[in-house]
């Protein structure tokens, strides 16, 4: 079965940040599902969404995107068997401590950059899909090439060597 990343947003206000994560995941060839469920406002709906994906049998990672008090990742993690990555949107109203400090037994990771959250999820899922593993390797190689080319260019040498 193809792996999937479930992007779980706390509200529609998180759409732009989630879209950046989704775009990066598609670059790694990872399928995504975009869902909205609030730990505060719609906990029953959130539980139903999680149960849907937990019952699928597919390799999966959840990425939660919620601002202010990030209850969503703390709510999600103990309900699922798959990894949970919190990637809260930037802003002065975001309480990062609510993502970083979880009670014992709640083990969601926190990655602040959307591209890095996608990369982390892709690395996890690469164990289940060789094509995703290859896309991760290609991305990492491109990152290395970009730095080496910039250094060569800065030194006046030919780029791309």
C-alpha atoms as a PDB file:
ATOM      1  CA  UNK A   1       0.000   0.000   0.000  1.00  0.00           C
ATOM      2  CA  UNK A   2       1.169   3.508  -0.799  1.00  0.00           C
ATOM      3  CA  UNK A   3       2.045   5.620   2.236  1.00  0.00           C
ATOM      4  CA  UNK A   4       0.108   8.761   3.070  1.00  0.00           C
ATOM      5  CA  UNK A   5       0.559  11.881   5.151  1.00  0.00           C
ATOM      6  CA  UNK A   6      -2.557  13.206   6.800  1.00  0.00           C
ATOM      7  CA  UNK A   7      -2.344  16.979   7.166  1.00  0.00           C
ATOM      8  CA  UNK A   8      -4.675  17.765  10.034  1.00  0.00           C
ATOM      9  CA  UNK A   9      -5.451  21.452  10.421  1.00  0.00           C
ATOM     10  CA  UNK A  10      -7.119  23.003  13.437  1.00  0.00           C
ATOM     11  CA  UNK A  11      -9.009  25.514  11.298  1.00  0.00           C
ATOM     12  CA  UNK A  12      -9.199  26.882   7.743  1.00  0.00           C
ATOM     13  CA  UNK A  13      -6.839  29.671   8.857  1.00  0.00           C
ATOM     14  CA  UNK A  14      -4.046  27.075   8.733  1.00  0.00           C
ATOM     15  CA  UNK A  15      -4.545  26.356   5.016  1.00  0.00           C
ATOM     16  CA  UNK A  16      -1.667  28.430   3.623  1.00  0.00           C
ATOM     17  CA  UNK A  17       0.902  26.862   5.953  1.00  0.00           C
ATOM     18  CA  UNK A  18      -0.513  23.389   5.241  1.00  0.00           C
ATOM     19  CA  UNK A  19      -0.376  24.006   1.487  1.00  0.00           C
ATOM     20  CA  UNK A  20       3.387  24.611   1.730  1.00  0.00           C
ATOM     21  CA  UNK A  21       3.798  21.270   3.517  1.00  0.00           C
ATOM     22  CA  UNK A  22       1.569  19.531   0.980  1.00  0.00           C
ATOM     23  CA  UNK A  23       3.525  20.956  -1.944  1.00  0.00           C
ATOM     24  CA  UNK A  24       6.809  19.692  -0.492  1.00  0.00           C
ATOM     25  CA  UNK A  25       5.298  16.254   0.173  1.00  0.00           C
ATOM     26  CA  UNK A  26       4.139  16.010  -3.426  1.00  0.00           C
ATOM     27  CA  UNK A  27       7.719  16.781  -4.459  1.00  0.00           C
ATOM     28  CA  UNK A  28       8.730  13.612  -2.601  1.00  0.00           C
ATOM     29  CA  UNK A  29       5.939  11.661  -4.306  1.00  0.00           C
ATOM     30  CA  UNK A  30       3.966  11.289  -1.077  1.00  0.00           C
ATOM     31  CA  UNK A  31       0.177  11.213  -1.201  1.00  0.00           C
ATOM     32  CA  UNK A  32      -1.585  13.578   1.180  1.00  0.00           C
ATOM     33  CA  UNK A  33      -4.994  13.998   2.733  1.00  0.00           C
ATOM     34  CA  UNK A  34      -5.989  17.490   3.835  1.00  0.00           C
ATOM     35  CA  UNK A  35      -8.419  17.458   6.800  1.00  0.00           C
ATOM     36  CA  UNK A  36      -9.783  20.058   9.239  1.00  0.00           C
ATOM     37  CA  UNK A  37     -10.617  19.044  12.792  1.00  0.00           C
ATOM     38  CA  UNK A  38     -10.234  20.954  16.023  1.00  0.00           C
ATOM     39  CA  UNK A  39      -9.208  19.390  19.312  1.00  0.00           C
ATOM     40  CA  UNK A  40     -11.068  22.219  21.052  1.00  0.00           C
ATOM     41  CA  UNK A  41     -14.168  22.730  18.894  1.00  0.00           C
ATOM     42  CA  UNK A  42     -14.796  19.375  17.211  1.00  0.00           C
ATOM     43  CA  UNK A  43     -13.111  16.607  19.217  1.00  0.00           C
ATOM     44  CA  UNK A  44     -15.633  13.959  18.116  1.00  0.00           C
ATOM     45  CA  UNK A  45     -15.002  14.805  14.461  1.00  0.00           C
ATOM     46  CA  UNK A  46     -11.234  14.716  15.054  1.00  0.00           C
ATOM     47  CA  UNK A  47     -11.526  11.249  16.605  1.00  0.00           C
ATOM     48  CA  UNK A  48     -13.595  10.036  13.645  1.00  0.00           C
ATOM     49  CA  UNK A  49     -11.014  11.364  11.170  1.00  0.00           C
ATOM     50  CA  UNK A  50      -8.190   9.680  13.053  1.00  0.00           C
ATOM     51  CA  UNK A  51     -10.113   6.382  13.251  1.00  0.00           C
ATOM     52  CA  UNK A  52     -10.652   6.494   9.481  1.00  0.00           C
ATOM     53  CA  UNK A  53      -6.921   6.603   8.770  1.00  0.00           C
ATOM     54  CA  UNK A  54      -5.882   4.307  11.619  1.00  0.00           C
ATOM     55  CA  UNK A  55      -8.179   1.644  10.179  1.00  0.00           C
ATOM     56  CA  UNK A  56      -6.770   1.978   6.669  1.00  0.00           C
ATOM     57  CA  UNK A  57      -3.709  -0.212   7.208  1.00  0.00           C
ATOM     58  CA  UNK A  58      -1.615   2.173   5.104  1.00  0.00           C
ATOM     59  CA  UNK A  59       1.790   3.403   6.244  1.00  0.00           C
ATOM     60  CA  UNK A  60       1.097   6.936   7.458  1.00  0.00           C
ATOM     61  CA  UNK A  61       2.347   9.997   9.264  1.00  0.00           C
ATOM     62  CA  UNK A  62       0.173  12.747  10.694  1.00  0.00           C
ATOM     63  CA  UNK A  63       1.250  16.371  10.452  1.00  0.00           C
ATOM     64  CA  UNK A  64      -0.780  18.671  12.680  1.00  0.00           C
ATOM     65  CA  UNK A  65      -1.007  22.342  11.857  1.00  0.00           C
ATOM     66  CA  UNK A  66      -2.597  24.434  14.558  1.00  0.00           C
ATOM     67  CA  UNK A  67      -1.801  27.884  15.840  1.00  0.00           C
ATOM     68  CA  UNK A  68      -2.192  29.501  19.217  1.00  0.00           C
ATOM     69  CA  UNK A  69      -2.458  26.677  21.746  1.00  0.00           C
ATOM     70  CA  UNK A  70      -1.476  23.569  19.817  1.00  0.00           C
ATOM     71  CA  UNK A  71      -3.757  21.050  21.486  1.00  0.00           C
ATOM     72  CA  UNK A  72      -4.163  19.239  18.163  1.00  0.00           C
ATOM     73  CA  UNK A  73      -0.838  17.382  18.200  1.00  0.00           C
ATOM     74  CA  UNK A  74      -1.208  16.484  21.877  1.00  0.00           C
ATOM     75  CA  UNK A  75      -4.753  15.283  21.205  1.00  0.00           C
ATOM     76  CA  UNK A  76      -3.770  13.331  18.085  1.00  0.00           C
ATOM     77  CA  UNK A  77      -0.654  11.488  19.261  1.00  0.00           C
ATOM     78  CA  UNK A  78      -2.173   9.232  21.937  1.00  0.00           C
ATOM     79  CA  UNK A  79      -5.020   8.288  19.576  1.00  0.00           C
ATOM     80  CA  UNK A  80      -2.821   6.919  16.776  1.00  0.00           C
ATOM     81  CA  UNK A  81      -0.073   4.354  16.264  1.00  0.00           C
ATOM     82  CA  UNK A  82       1.751   6.361  13.588  1.00  0.00           C
ATOM     83  CA  UNK A  83       4.184   9.262  14.114  1.00  0.00           C
ATOM     84  CA  UNK A  84       2.763  12.754  14.652  1.00  0.00           C
ATOM     85  CA  UNK A  85       4.678  15.849  13.600  1.00  0.00           C
ATOM     86  CA  UNK A  86       3.496  19.238  14.838  1.00  0.00           C
ATOM     87  CA  UNK A  87       4.242  22.075  12.427  1.00  0.00           C
ATOM     88  CA  UNK A  88       2.510  25.151  13.848  1.00  0.00           C
ATOM     89  CA  UNK A  89       2.154  28.182  11.595  1.00  0.00           C
ATOM     90  CA  UNK A  90       4.388  31.135  12.450  1.00  0.00           C
ATOM     91  CA  UNK A  91       2.983  34.146  14.199  1.00  0.00           C
ATOM     92  CA  UNK A  92       3.102  36.125  17.422  1.00  0.00           C
ATOM     93  CA  UNK A  93       0.004  34.384  18.791  1.00  0.00           C
ATOM     94  CA  UNK A  94       1.500  30.881  18.469  1.00  0.00           C
ATOM     95  CA  UNK A  95       2.416  29.303  21.807  1.00  0.00           C
ATOM     96  CA  UNK A  96       5.385  27.082  20.922  1.00  0.00           C
ATOM     97  CA  UNK A  97       5.506  25.678  24.450  1.00  0.00           C
ATOM     98  CA  UNK A  98       2.140  24.047  23.781  1.00  0.00           C
ATOM     99  CA  UNK A  99       3.857  22.049  21.016  1.00  0.00           C
ATOM    100  CA  UNK A 100       7.133  21.389  22.824  1.00  0.00           C
ATOM    101  CA  UNK A 101       5.944  20.396  26.292  1.00  0.00           C
ATOM    102  CA  UNK A 102       3.779  17.307  26.194  1.00  0.00           C
ATOM    103  CA  UNK A 103       2.809  15.092  29.101  1.00  0.00           C
ATOM    104  CA  UNK A 104       4.549  11.724  29.531  1.00  0.00           C
ATOM    105  CA  UNK A 105       3.395   9.244  26.893  1.00  0.00           C
ATOM    106  CA  UNK A 106       2.601  11.896  24.276  1.00  0.00           C
ATOM    107  CA  UNK A 107       5.465  11.887  21.790  1.00  0.00           C
ATOM    108  CA  UNK A 108       4.735  14.212  18.912  1.00  0.00           C
ATOM    109  CA  UNK A 109       7.746  15.766  17.190  1.00  0.00           C
ATOM    110  CA  UNK A 110       7.916  19.487  16.458  1.00  0.00           C
ATOM    111  CA  UNK A 111       9.319  20.785  13.158  1.00  0.00           C
ATOM    112  CA  UNK A 112       8.759  24.473  12.458  1.00  0.00           C
ATOM    113  CA  UNK A 113       9.693  24.747   8.776  1.00  0.00           C
ATOM    114  CA  UNK A 114       7.044  23.346   6.382  1.00  0.00           C
ATOM    115  CA  UNK A 115       9.601  21.859   3.977  1.00  0.00           C
ATOM    116  CA  UNK A 116      11.447  20.196   6.856  1.00  0.00           C
ATOM    117  CA  UNK A 117       8.207  18.760   8.262  1.00  0.00           C
ATOM    118  CA  UNK A 118       7.545  17.246   4.830  1.00  0.00           C
ATOM    119  CA  UNK A 119      11.120  15.935   4.611  1.00  0.00           C
ATOM    120  CA  UNK A 120      10.882  14.348   8.066  1.00  0.00           C
ATOM    121  CA  UNK A 121       7.593  12.644   7.129  1.00  0.00           C
ATOM    122  CA  UNK A 122       9.058  11.476   3.800  1.00  0.00           C
ATOM    123  CA  UNK A 123      12.092  10.019   5.590  1.00  0.00           C
ATOM    124  CA  UNK A 124       9.796   8.070   7.922  1.00  0.00           C
ATOM    125  CA  UNK A 125       7.719   6.782   5.009  1.00  0.00           C
ATOM    126  CA  UNK A 126      10.774   5.951   2.878  1.00  0.00           C
ATOM    127  CA  UNK A 127      11.037   2.689   4.825  1.00  0.00           C
ATOM    128  CA  UNK A 128       7.754   1.672   3.166  1.00  0.00           C
ATOM    129  CA  UNK A 129       8.265   3.048  -0.342  1.00  0.00           C
ATOM    130  CA  UNK A 130      11.529   2.888  -2.336  1.00  0.00           C
ATOM    131  CA  UNK A 131      10.355   5.691  -4.636  1.00  0.00           C
ATOM    132  CA  UNK A 132       9.972   8.033  -1.645  1.00  0.00           C
ATOM    133  CA  UNK A 133      13.427   6.982  -0.401  1.00  0.00           C
ATOM    134  CA  UNK A 134      14.893   7.838  -3.811  1.00  0.00           C
ATOM    135  CA  UNK A 135      13.100  11.209  -3.843  1.00  0.00           C
ATOM    136  CA  UNK A 136      14.568  12.004  -0.409  1.00  0.00           C
ATOM    137  CA  UNK A 137      18.076  11.086  -1.621  1.00  0.00           C
ATOM    138  CA  UNK A 138      17.633  13.234  -4.746  1.00  0.00           C
ATOM    139  CA  UNK A 139      16.440  16.184  -2.632  1.00  0.00           C
ATOM    140  CA  UNK A 140      19.431  15.869  -0.324  1.00  0.00           C
ATOM    141  CA  UNK A 141      21.807  15.656  -3.282  1.00  0.00           C
ATOM    142  CA  UNK A 142      20.251  18.769  -4.819  1.00  0.00           C
ATOM    143  CA  UNK A 143      20.719  20.609  -1.510  1.00  0.00           C
ATOM    144  CA  UNK A 144      24.399  19.639  -1.452  1.00  0.00           C
ATOM    145  CA  UNK A 145      24.847  20.640  -5.105  1.00  0.00           C
ATOM    146  CA  UNK A 146      23.265  24.021  -4.438  1.00  0.00           C
ATOM    147  CA  UNK A 147      25.812  24.780  -1.702  1.00  0.00           C
ATOM    148  CA  UNK A 148      28.781  23.499  -3.704  1.00  0.00           C
ATOM    149  CA  UNK A 149      27.704  25.436  -6.816  1.00  0.00           C
ATOM    150  CA  UNK A 150      27.318  28.605  -4.751  1.00  0.00           C
ATOM    151  CA  UNK A 151      30.813  28.143  -3.337  1.00  0.00           C
ATOM    152  CA  UNK A 152      32.310  27.550  -6.785  1.00  0.00           C
ATOM    153  CA  UNK A 153      30.482  30.558  -8.152  1.00  0.00           C
ATOM    154  CA  UNK A 154      31.750  32.691  -5.263  1.00  0.00           C
ATOM    155  CA  UNK A 155      35.309  31.556  -5.987  1.00  0.00           C
ATOM    156  CA  UNK A 156      34.934  32.370  -9.693  1.00  0.00           C
ATOM    157  CA  UNK A 157      34.992  28.735 -10.816  1.00  0.00           C
ATOM    158  CA  UNK A 158      32.642  26.999 -13.224  1.00  0.00           C
ATOM    159  CA  UNK A 159      29.259  26.164 -11.669  1.00  0.00           C
ATOM    160  CA  UNK A 160      27.992  22.584 -11.669  1.00  0.00           C
ATOM    161  CA  UNK A 161      31.383  20.911 -11.363  1.00  0.00           C
END
